[in-house]
Amino acid sequence: MKAETKSVIRSAVAELISSLAIEHLLTPEEVANEAFYSLQRHPKWGRNPSAAQKRASHRHWNGQCHRCGHEVAFGDATFHH
């Protein structure tokens, strides 16, 4: 895929995330996390997050579940619990 095409796709995804966040009164991070979770579970191209992705998500949310706010130890962290 050409770099220009990737750039167009990334811009469109960023716009979609922003518009959905505004429409549903959510943060862009909440929308992006839900989209990421849905893509991981897709029957054709889904895959599990890497350890680095899990660490980054845990760090981003300060060790708390982004849905319910409860503290989650890194060893127990999943994209939902």
N, C-alpha and C. Protein backbone atom coordinates (compact mmCIF):
# COMPACT_ATOMS: atom_id res chain seq x y z
N MET A 1 0.84 -1.17 0.00
CA MET A 1 0.00 0.00 0.00
C MET A 1 0.89 1.24 0.00
N LYS A 2 0.50 2.21 -0.78
CA LYS A 2 1.28 3.45 -0.89
C LYS A 2 1.15 4.29 0.39
N ALA A 3 2.20 5.04 0.68
CA ALA A 3 2.21 5.91 1.86
C ALA A 3 1.07 6.93 1.81
N GLU A 4 0.79 7.43 0.62
CA GLU A 4 -0.29 8.41 0.46
C GLU A 4 -1.65 7.79 0.82
N THR A 5 -1.87 6.56 0.40
CA THR A 5 -3.11 5.87 0.72
C THR A 5 -3.23 5.64 2.23
N LYS A 6 -2.14 5.23 2.85
CA LYS A 6 -2.14 5.04 4.31
C LYS A 6 -2.50 6.33 5.02
N SER A 7 -1.94 7.43 4.55
CA SER A 7 -2.20 8.73 5.16
C SER A 7 -3.68 9.11 5.04
N VAL A 8 -4.26 8.88 3.89
CA VAL A 8 -5.68 9.19 3.68
C VAL A 8 -6.55 8.33 4.60
N ILE A 9 -6.23 7.05 4.71
CA ILE A 9 -7.00 6.15 5.57
C ILE A 9 -6.87 6.58 7.03
N ARG A 10 -5.67 6.89 7.47
CA ARG A 10 -5.46 7.30 8.87
C ARG A 10 -6.22 8.58 9.18
N SER A 11 -6.23 9.52 8.25
CA SER A 11 -6.98 10.77 8.46
C SER A 11 -8.47 10.50 8.55
N ALA A 12 -8.97 9.63 7.69
CA ALA A 12 -10.39 9.30 7.70
C ALA A 12 -10.78 8.59 9.00
N VAL A 13 -9.93 7.71 9.48
CA VAL A 13 -10.20 7.02 10.74
C VAL A 13 -10.21 8.01 11.90
N ALA A 14 -9.26 8.93 11.91
CA ALA A 14 -9.20 9.95 12.97
C ALA A 14 -10.46 10.81 12.95
N GLU A 15 -10.91 11.20 11.77
CA GLU A 15 -12.15 11.98 11.65
C GLU A 15 -13.35 11.19 12.14
N LEU A 16 -13.43 9.91 11.78
CA LEU A 16 -14.53 9.07 12.21
C LEU A 16 -14.56 8.95 13.73
N ILE A 17 -13.41 8.70 14.33
CA ILE A 17 -13.33 8.57 15.78
C ILE A 17 -13.76 9.87 16.45
N SER A 18 -13.28 10.99 15.95
CA SER A 18 -13.66 12.28 16.52
C SER A 18 -15.15 12.55 16.40
N SER A 19 -15.72 12.28 15.24
CA SER A 19 -17.15 12.55 15.06
C SER A 19 -18.01 11.62 15.92
N LEU A 20 -17.63 10.36 16.05
CA LEU A 20 -18.38 9.43 16.91
C LEU A 20 -18.28 9.84 18.38
N ALA A 21 -17.10 10.31 18.78
CA ALA A 21 -16.92 10.76 20.16
C ALA A 21 -17.85 11.93 20.46
N ILE A 22 -17.90 12.90 19.56
CA ILE A 22 -18.77 14.05 19.74
C ILE A 22 -20.24 13.63 19.75
N GLU A 23 -20.61 12.81 18.79
CA GLU A 23 -22.01 12.38 18.65
C GLU A 23 -22.51 11.62 19.87
N HIS A 24 -21.64 10.82 20.50
CA HIS A 24 -22.06 9.98 21.62
C HIS A 24 -21.55 10.47 22.98
N LEU A 25 -21.02 11.69 23.00
CA LEU A 25 -20.53 12.31 24.24
C LEU A 25 -19.50 11.43 24.94
N LEU A 26 -18.55 10.94 24.16
CA LEU A 26 -17.47 10.09 24.67
C LEU A 26 -16.13 10.76 24.36
N THR A 27 -15.08 10.25 24.99
CA THR A 27 -13.75 10.73 24.63
C THR A 27 -13.30 9.98 23.37
N PRO A 28 -12.45 10.59 22.58
CA PRO A 28 -11.92 9.89 21.41
C PRO A 28 -11.21 8.59 21.80
N GLU A 29 -10.58 8.57 22.98
CA GLU A 29 -9.90 7.36 23.44
C GLU A 29 -10.89 6.22 23.66
N GLU A 30 -12.06 6.53 24.22
CA GLU A 30 -13.07 5.49 24.43
C GLU A 30 -13.53 4.91 23.10
N VAL A 31 -13.76 5.77 22.14
CA VAL A 31 -14.20 5.30 20.81
C VAL A 31 -13.10 4.48 20.16
N ALA A 32 -11.86 4.96 20.22
CA ALA A 32 -10.75 4.25 19.60
C ALA A 32 -10.54 2.89 20.25
N ASN A 33 -10.64 2.83 21.58
CA ASN A 33 -10.48 1.54 22.27
C ASN A 33 -11.57 0.56 21.88
N GLU A 34 -12.80 1.04 21.76
CA GLU A 34 -13.89 0.15 21.36
C GLU A 34 -13.70 -0.34 19.93
N ALA A 35 -13.27 0.57 19.05
CA ALA A 35 -13.00 0.18 17.66
C ALA A 35 -11.88 -0.86 17.61
N PHE A 36 -10.82 -0.63 18.38
CA PHE A 36 -9.70 -1.56 18.42
C PHE A 36 -10.15 -2.93 18.91
N TYR A 37 -10.95 -2.93 19.99
CA TYR A 37 -11.46 -4.19 20.54
C TYR A 37 -12.30 -4.92 19.49
N SER A 38 -13.16 -4.18 18.79
CA SER A 38 -14.01 -4.81 17.76
C SER A 38 -13.17 -5.40 16.64
N LEU A 39 -12.14 -4.68 16.23
CA LEU A 39 -11.28 -5.19 15.16
C LEU A 39 -10.52 -6.43 15.59
N GLN A 40 -10.11 -6.48 16.86
CA GLN A 40 -9.41 -7.66 17.37
C GLN A 40 -10.30 -8.90 17.30
N ARG A 41 -11.58 -8.72 17.49
CA ARG A 41 -12.50 -9.85 17.52
C ARG A 41 -13.10 -10.19 16.16
N HIS A 42 -12.71 -9.44 15.13
CA HIS A 42 -13.26 -9.69 13.80
C HIS A 42 -12.86 -11.09 13.33
N PRO A 43 -13.79 -11.86 12.77
CA PRO A 43 -13.48 -13.25 12.38
C PRO A 43 -12.41 -13.39 11.30
N LYS A 44 -12.21 -12.39 10.45
CA LYS A 44 -11.21 -12.51 9.38
C LYS A 44 -9.84 -12.00 9.77
N TRP A 45 -9.75 -10.84 10.40
CA TRP A 45 -8.44 -10.25 10.64
C TRP A 45 -8.14 -9.96 12.11
N GLY A 46 -8.97 -10.46 13.00
CA GLY A 46 -8.75 -10.22 14.42
C GLY A 46 -7.51 -10.92 14.95
N ARG A 47 -6.91 -10.30 15.97
CA ARG A 47 -5.75 -10.90 16.65
C ARG A 47 -5.65 -10.33 18.05
N ASN A 48 -4.94 -10.99 18.89
CA ASN A 48 -4.77 -10.55 20.26
C ASN A 48 -3.77 -9.40 20.34
N PRO A 49 -3.92 -8.52 21.34
CA PRO A 49 -2.97 -7.42 21.48
C PRO A 49 -1.60 -7.93 21.91
N SER A 50 -0.58 -7.21 21.51
CA SER A 50 0.77 -7.56 21.93
C SER A 50 0.97 -7.13 23.38
N ALA A 51 2.02 -7.63 24.00
CA ALA A 51 2.34 -7.24 25.38
C ALA A 51 2.60 -5.74 25.45
N ALA A 52 3.25 -5.19 24.44
CA ALA A 52 3.52 -3.74 24.42
C ALA A 52 2.22 -2.94 24.34
N GLN A 53 1.26 -3.42 23.55
CA GLN A 53 -0.03 -2.74 23.45
C GLN A 53 -0.77 -2.79 24.79
N LYS A 54 -0.72 -3.94 25.46
CA LYS A 54 -1.37 -4.06 26.76
C LYS A 54 -0.71 -3.14 27.79
N ARG A 55 0.62 -3.08 27.78
CA ARG A 55 1.33 -2.19 28.72
C ARG A 55 0.95 -0.73 28.46
N ALA A 56 0.92 -0.35 27.19
CA ALA A 56 0.59 1.03 26.82
C ALA A 56 -0.84 1.37 27.24
N SER A 57 -1.77 0.46 27.04
CA SER A 57 -3.16 0.69 27.42
C SER A 57 -3.29 0.79 28.94
N HIS A 58 -2.62 -0.10 29.67
CA HIS A 58 -2.67 -0.09 31.13
C HIS A 58 -2.08 1.22 31.65
N ARG A 59 -1.00 1.65 31.08
CA ARG A 59 -0.35 2.90 31.48
C ARG A 59 -1.25 4.09 31.14
N HIS A 60 -1.85 4.07 29.94
CA HIS A 60 -2.71 5.17 29.51
C HIS A 60 -3.89 5.37 30.46
N TRP A 61 -4.45 4.27 30.93
CA TRP A 61 -5.63 4.33 31.80
C TRP A 61 -5.25 4.33 33.28
N ASN A 62 -3.97 4.53 33.58
CA ASN A 62 -3.50 4.63 34.97
C ASN A 62 -3.91 3.42 35.81
N GLY A 63 -3.90 2.25 35.20
CA GLY A 63 -4.21 1.02 35.93
C GLY A 63 -5.68 0.87 36.30
N GLN A 64 -6.54 1.62 35.63
CA GLN A 64 -7.97 1.54 35.91
C GLN A 64 -8.72 1.08 34.67
N CYS A 65 -9.81 0.36 34.90
CA CYS A 65 -10.68 -0.05 33.79
C CYS A 65 -11.32 1.21 33.21
N HIS A 66 -11.21 1.38 31.89
CA HIS A 66 -11.79 2.59 31.27
C HIS A 66 -13.30 2.56 31.24
N ARG A 67 -13.91 1.40 31.48
CA ARG A 67 -15.37 1.30 31.48
C ARG A 67 -15.97 1.55 32.86
N CYS A 68 -15.39 0.92 33.89
CA CYS A 68 -16.01 1.02 35.22
C CYS A 68 -15.17 1.79 36.23
N GLY A 69 -13.90 2.06 35.92
CA GLY A 69 -13.06 2.84 36.81
C GLY A 69 -12.38 2.06 37.91
N HIS A 70 -12.64 0.75 38.02
CA HIS A 70 -11.99 -0.05 39.05
C HIS A 70 -10.52 -0.26 38.73
N GLU A 71 -9.71 -0.34 39.76
CA GLU A 71 -8.29 -0.58 39.59
C GLU A 71 -8.07 -2.02 39.08
N VAL A 72 -7.17 -2.17 38.12
CA VAL A 72 -6.87 -3.47 37.53
C VAL A 72 -5.36 -3.65 37.53
N ALA A 73 -4.88 -4.72 38.16
CA ALA A 73 -3.44 -5.03 38.14
C ALA A 73 -3.03 -5.40 36.72
N PHE A 74 -1.81 -5.06 36.33
CA PHE A 74 -1.37 -5.35 34.97
C PHE A 74 -1.51 -6.82 34.61
N GLY A 75 -1.17 -7.71 35.53
CA GLY A 75 -1.27 -9.14 35.25
C GLY A 75 -2.68 -9.61 34.98
N ASP A 76 -3.67 -8.86 35.48
CA ASP A 76 -5.08 -9.20 35.26
C ASP A 76 -5.71 -8.40 34.14
N ALA A 77 -4.94 -7.48 33.56
CA ALA A 77 -5.50 -6.56 32.56
C ALA A 77 -5.85 -7.27 31.27
N THR A 78 -7.04 -7.01 30.82
CA THR A 78 -7.51 -7.37 29.49
C THR A 78 -8.16 -6.12 28.94
N PHE A 79 -8.70 -6.16 27.76
CA PHE A 79 -9.33 -4.95 27.23
C PHE A 79 -10.71 -4.75 27.84
N HIS A 80 -11.16 -5.68 28.60
CA HIS A 80 -12.31 -5.51 29.49
C HIS A 80 -12.21 -6.63 30.51
N HIS A 81 -12.87 -6.48 31.63
CA HIS A 81 -12.77 -7.52 32.67
C HIS A 81 -14.13 -7.82 33.24
